[in-house]
Amino acid sequence: MNKIVILKIILSTLFLVCLFDMSYGYYQFVRFTGMIGFGVLAVKNYKKDQTWFVIWISSALLINPFIKIALGRDMWNTIDVIWAVLLIVSMILNKRG
């Protein structure tokens, strides 16, 4: 298992755990980890696949901990599920190709 696959598994797990009632510190940790993780994924896809690059860089900007975007818990939960699904789908598609 390569490092990118492990990163995607960790990120998707972190996002799914966000669906539970966690402490504020956990969400802060997820914001930092998510921004860095999505940034790494964007860099890895910069020349290889522009679609995934745009998805990952947009995700890094949305989750960044410095300029917080207040969307409400329900919207963030929806985004967390979308991110988990995207990460899993990207692993499946990458395995095929």
N, C-alpha and C. Protein backbone atom coordinates (compact mmCIF):
# COMPACT_ATOMS: atom_id res chain seq x y z
N MET A 1 0.86 -1.18 0.00
CA MET A 1 0.00 0.00 0.00
C MET A 1 0.90 1.24 0.00
N ASN A 2 0.67 2.13 -0.96
CA ASN A 2 1.54 3.31 -1.02
C ASN A 2 1.05 4.42 -0.09
N LYS A 3 1.87 5.43 0.05
CA LYS A 3 1.59 6.51 1.01
C LYS A 3 0.34 7.30 0.66
N ILE A 4 0.06 7.48 -0.62
CA ILE A 4 -1.12 8.25 -1.03
C ILE A 4 -2.40 7.50 -0.65
N VAL A 5 -2.40 6.20 -0.82
CA VAL A 5 -3.56 5.39 -0.43
C VAL A 5 -3.77 5.48 1.07
N ILE A 6 -2.70 5.39 1.84
CA ILE A 6 -2.80 5.51 3.30
C ILE A 6 -3.33 6.88 3.68
N LEU A 7 -2.84 7.93 3.03
CA LEU A 7 -3.32 9.29 3.28
C LEU A 7 -4.82 9.39 3.01
N LYS A 8 -5.28 8.83 1.92
CA LYS A 8 -6.70 8.89 1.57
C LYS A 8 -7.55 8.12 2.58
N ILE A 9 -7.06 6.99 3.06
CA ILE A 9 -7.79 6.21 4.07
C ILE A 9 -7.88 6.99 5.37
N ILE A 10 -6.76 7.60 5.77
CA ILE A 10 -6.76 8.40 7.01
C ILE A 10 -7.71 9.58 6.90
N LEU A 11 -7.64 10.31 5.79
CA LEU A 11 -8.52 11.48 5.62
C LEU A 11 -9.99 11.07 5.60
N SER A 12 -10.32 10.03 4.86
CA SER A 12 -11.73 9.62 4.79
C SER A 12 -12.23 9.18 6.16
N THR A 13 -11.38 8.51 6.93
CA THR A 13 -11.77 8.11 8.29
C THR A 13 -11.99 9.33 9.18
N LEU A 14 -11.07 10.29 9.11
CA LEU A 14 -11.21 11.52 9.90
C LEU A 14 -12.52 12.24 9.57
N PHE A 15 -12.86 12.31 8.28
CA PHE A 15 -14.09 13.01 7.88
C PHE A 15 -15.34 12.26 8.34
N LEU A 16 -15.31 10.95 8.29
CA LEU A 16 -16.49 10.19 8.75
C LEU A 16 -16.66 10.27 10.26
N VAL A 17 -15.57 10.36 11.00
CA VAL A 17 -15.66 10.52 12.46
C VAL A 17 -16.26 11.88 12.80
N CYS A 18 -16.10 12.86 11.92
CA CYS A 18 -16.69 14.19 12.14
C CYS A 18 -18.22 14.13 12.22
N LEU A 19 -18.82 13.07 11.75
CA LEU A 19 -20.29 12.93 11.81
C LEU A 19 -20.78 12.74 13.24
N PHE A 20 -19.88 12.30 14.12
CA PHE A 20 -20.23 12.12 15.53
C PHE A 20 -19.99 13.42 16.28
N ASP A 21 -20.52 13.51 17.48
CA ASP A 21 -20.36 14.71 18.30
C ASP A 21 -18.98 14.67 18.94
N MET A 22 -18.04 15.38 18.36
CA MET A 22 -16.66 15.39 18.83
C MET A 22 -16.35 16.76 19.46
N SER A 23 -15.23 16.81 20.17
CA SER A 23 -14.82 18.08 20.77
C SER A 23 -14.35 19.04 19.68
N TYR A 24 -14.37 20.32 19.99
CA TYR A 24 -13.96 21.34 19.02
C TYR A 24 -12.51 21.14 18.58
N GLY A 25 -11.67 20.67 19.50
CA GLY A 25 -10.27 20.42 19.20
C GLY A 25 -10.11 19.38 18.09
N TYR A 26 -10.98 18.38 18.06
CA TYR A 26 -10.92 17.37 17.01
C TYR A 26 -11.17 18.01 15.64
N TYR A 27 -12.19 18.87 15.58
CA TYR A 27 -12.51 19.52 14.30
C TYR A 27 -11.37 20.43 13.85
N GLN A 28 -10.73 21.09 14.80
CA GLN A 28 -9.56 21.91 14.46
C GLN A 28 -8.44 21.04 13.89
N PHE A 29 -8.21 19.88 14.53
CA PHE A 29 -7.20 18.93 14.04
C PHE A 29 -7.53 18.47 12.62
N VAL A 30 -8.81 18.20 12.38
CA VAL A 30 -9.24 17.74 11.05
C VAL A 30 -9.02 18.84 10.02
N ARG A 31 -9.26 20.09 10.40
CA ARG A 31 -9.06 21.20 9.46
C ARG A 31 -7.59 21.29 9.04
N PHE A 32 -6.67 21.23 10.01
CA PHE A 32 -5.24 21.30 9.69
C PHE A 32 -4.81 20.08 8.88
N THR A 33 -5.20 18.90 9.34
CA THR A 33 -4.82 17.67 8.66
C THR A 33 -5.42 17.60 7.26
N GLY A 34 -6.68 18.00 7.15
CA GLY A 34 -7.35 17.99 5.86
C GLY A 34 -6.71 18.95 4.86
N MET A 35 -6.38 20.15 5.33
CA MET A 35 -5.75 21.12 4.45
C MET A 35 -4.41 20.60 3.94
N ILE A 36 -3.61 20.05 4.83
CA ILE A 36 -2.31 19.52 4.43
C ILE A 36 -2.49 18.31 3.52
N GLY A 37 -3.40 17.40 3.90
CA GLY A 37 -3.63 16.20 3.10
C GLY A 37 -4.13 16.52 1.70
N PHE A 38 -5.11 17.42 1.62
CA PHE A 38 -5.62 17.80 0.29
C PHE A 38 -4.55 18.53 -0.51
N GLY A 39 -3.71 19.30 0.18
CA GLY A 39 -2.61 19.97 -0.52
C GLY A 39 -1.63 18.96 -1.12
N VAL A 40 -1.31 17.93 -0.36
CA VAL A 40 -0.43 16.87 -0.87
C VAL A 40 -1.07 16.18 -2.07
N LEU A 41 -2.35 15.86 -1.96
CA LEU A 41 -3.05 15.20 -3.07
C LEU A 41 -3.09 16.10 -4.31
N ALA A 42 -3.28 17.40 -4.10
CA ALA A 42 -3.30 18.34 -5.23
C ALA A 42 -1.95 18.36 -5.93
N VAL A 43 -0.88 18.44 -5.15
CA VAL A 43 0.47 18.46 -5.74
C VAL A 43 0.73 17.18 -6.52
N LYS A 44 0.32 16.05 -5.98
CA LYS A 44 0.53 14.75 -6.65
C LYS A 44 -0.25 14.65 -7.96
N ASN A 45 -1.37 15.39 -8.07
CA ASN A 45 -2.21 15.32 -9.26
C ASN A 45 -2.05 16.51 -10.20
N TYR A 46 -1.12 17.42 -9.90
CA TYR A 46 -0.99 18.67 -10.65
C TYR A 46 -0.83 18.42 -12.15
N LYS A 47 0.07 17.56 -12.54
CA LYS A 47 0.30 17.31 -13.96
C LYS A 47 -0.40 16.05 -14.45
N LYS A 48 -0.76 15.17 -13.53
CA LYS A 48 -1.32 13.88 -13.91
C LYS A 48 -2.80 13.97 -14.25
N ASP A 49 -3.57 14.69 -13.45
CA ASP A 49 -5.03 14.73 -13.65
C ASP A 49 -5.57 16.07 -13.13
N GLN A 50 -5.87 16.97 -14.05
CA GLN A 50 -6.31 18.32 -13.67
C GLN A 50 -7.65 18.33 -12.93
N THR A 51 -8.53 17.38 -13.23
CA THR A 51 -9.82 17.34 -12.54
C THR A 51 -9.62 17.08 -11.06
N TRP A 52 -8.84 16.04 -10.74
CA TRP A 52 -8.58 15.75 -9.33
C TRP A 52 -7.79 16.88 -8.68
N PHE A 53 -6.89 17.49 -9.43
CA PHE A 53 -6.13 18.62 -8.88
C PHE A 53 -7.08 19.72 -8.42
N VAL A 54 -8.04 20.07 -9.26
CA VAL A 54 -9.00 21.13 -8.92
C VAL A 54 -9.85 20.72 -7.72
N ILE A 55 -10.28 19.48 -7.67
CA ILE A 55 -11.09 18.99 -6.54
C ILE A 55 -10.28 19.09 -5.25
N TRP A 56 -9.03 18.61 -5.27
CA TRP A 56 -8.22 18.60 -4.04
C TRP A 56 -7.81 20.00 -3.61
N ILE A 57 -7.44 20.86 -4.55
CA ILE A 57 -7.03 22.21 -4.16
C ILE A 57 -8.23 23.01 -3.65
N SER A 58 -9.41 22.81 -4.25
CA SER A 58 -10.63 23.47 -3.77
C SER A 58 -10.98 22.99 -2.36
N SER A 59 -10.80 21.71 -2.14
CA SER A 59 -11.08 21.14 -0.81
C SER A 59 -10.12 21.70 0.23
N ALA A 60 -8.85 21.83 -0.14
CA ALA A 60 -7.86 22.40 0.79
C ALA A 60 -8.22 23.84 1.15
N LEU A 61 -8.66 24.60 0.17
CA LEU A 61 -9.06 25.99 0.43
C LEU A 61 -10.31 26.07 1.29
N LEU A 62 -11.25 25.17 1.06
CA LEU A 62 -12.51 25.18 1.83
C LEU A 62 -12.28 24.80 3.28
N ILE A 63 -11.42 23.83 3.52
CA ILE A 63 -11.25 23.32 4.89
C ILE A 63 -10.16 24.07 5.66
N ASN A 64 -9.48 25.00 5.03
CA ASN A 64 -8.35 25.66 5.69
C ASN A 64 -8.76 26.23 7.05
N PRO A 65 -7.87 26.12 8.04
CA PRO A 65 -8.20 26.59 9.40
C PRO A 65 -7.96 28.08 9.62
N PHE A 66 -7.42 28.78 8.64
CA PHE A 66 -7.06 30.18 8.84
C PHE A 66 -8.20 31.13 8.51
N ILE A 67 -8.89 30.87 7.44
CA ILE A 67 -10.06 31.67 7.07
C ILE A 67 -11.25 30.72 7.11
N LYS A 68 -11.89 30.66 8.26
CA LYS A 68 -12.95 29.68 8.47
C LYS A 68 -14.22 30.09 7.74
N ILE A 69 -14.83 29.12 7.12
CA ILE A 69 -16.08 29.33 6.41
C ILE A 69 -17.19 28.69 7.24
N ALA A 70 -18.11 29.50 7.73
CA ALA A 70 -19.19 29.01 8.58
C ALA A 70 -20.34 28.52 7.70
N LEU A 71 -20.50 27.20 7.64
CA LEU A 71 -21.56 26.61 6.82
C LEU A 71 -22.63 25.92 7.65
N GLY A 72 -22.41 25.76 8.93
CA GLY A 72 -23.36 25.05 9.78
C GLY A 72 -23.04 23.57 9.82
N ARG A 73 -23.42 22.94 10.89
CA ARG A 73 -23.06 21.53 11.12
C ARG A 73 -23.61 20.60 10.05
N ASP A 74 -24.88 20.79 9.66
CA ASP A 74 -25.47 19.90 8.66
C ASP A 74 -24.73 19.97 7.33
N MET A 75 -24.39 21.17 6.91
CA MET A 75 -23.67 21.33 5.64
C MET A 75 -22.27 20.73 5.72
N TRP A 76 -21.57 20.96 6.84
CA TRP A 76 -20.24 20.38 7.00
C TRP A 76 -20.31 18.86 7.03
N ASN A 77 -21.34 18.30 7.68
CA ASN A 77 -21.49 16.84 7.68
C ASN A 77 -21.68 16.30 6.27
N THR A 78 -22.45 17.01 5.47
CA THR A 78 -22.66 16.61 4.08
C THR A 78 -21.34 16.67 3.31
N ILE A 79 -20.60 17.74 3.50
CA ILE A 79 -19.30 17.89 2.83
C ILE A 79 -18.33 16.80 3.28
N ASP A 80 -18.35 16.46 4.58
CA ASP A 80 -17.48 15.40 5.08
C ASP A 80 -17.76 14.07 4.40
N VAL A 81 -19.04 13.77 4.21
CA VAL A 81 -19.41 12.52 3.53
C VAL A 81 -18.98 12.57 2.07
N ILE A 82 -19.19 13.71 1.42
CA ILE A 82 -18.78 13.86 0.01
C ILE A 82 -17.27 13.66 -0.12
N TRP A 83 -16.50 14.26 0.80
CA TRP A 83 -15.04 14.10 0.76
C TRP A 83 -14.65 12.64 0.95
N ALA A 84 -15.28 11.96 1.91
CA ALA A 84 -14.95 10.55 2.14
C ALA A 84 -15.24 9.72 0.89
N VAL A 85 -16.38 9.98 0.26
CA VAL A 85 -16.74 9.25 -0.97
C VAL A 85 -15.74 9.57 -2.09
N LEU A 86 -15.40 10.83 -2.26
CA LEU A 86 -14.43 11.21 -3.30
C LEU A 86 -13.08 10.55 -3.08
N LEU A 87 -12.64 10.51 -1.84
CA LEU A 87 -11.36 9.88 -1.54
C LEU A 87 -11.39 8.38 -1.86
N ILE A 88 -12.48 7.73 -1.51
CA ILE A 88 -12.62 6.29 -1.79
C ILE A 88 -12.72 6.05 -3.29
N VAL A 89 -13.52 6.86 -3.98
CA VAL A 89 -13.66 6.72 -5.44
C VAL A 89 -12.31 6.95 -6.12
N SER A 90 -11.55 7.94 -5.66
CA SER A 90 -10.26 8.20 -6.28
C SER A 90 -9.30 7.02 -6.08
N MET A 91 -9.41 6.32 -4.95
CA MET A 91 -8.59 5.13 -4.74
C MET A 91 -8.98 4.01 -5.70
N ILE A 92 -10.29 3.84 -5.88
CA ILE A 92 -10.79 2.78 -6.78
C ILE A 92 -10.38 3.09 -8.23
N LEU A 93 -10.58 4.32 -8.66
CA LEU A 93 -10.23 4.70 -10.03
C LEU A 93 -8.73 4.60 -10.27
N ASN A 94 -7.95 4.97 -9.27
CA ASN A 94 -6.50 4.91 -9.40
C ASN A 94 -6.02 3.46 -9.50
N LYS A 95 -6.72 2.56 -8.83
CA LYS A 95 -6.34 1.15 -8.87
C LYS A 95 -6.59 0.54 -10.25
N ARG A 96 -7.67 1.00 -10.90
CA ARG A 96 -8.00 0.51 -12.25
C ARG A 96 -6.99 0.97 -13.28
N GLY A 97 -6.60 2.27 -13.17
CA GLY A 97 -5.77 2.86 -14.20
C GLY A 97 -4.35 2.75 -13.96
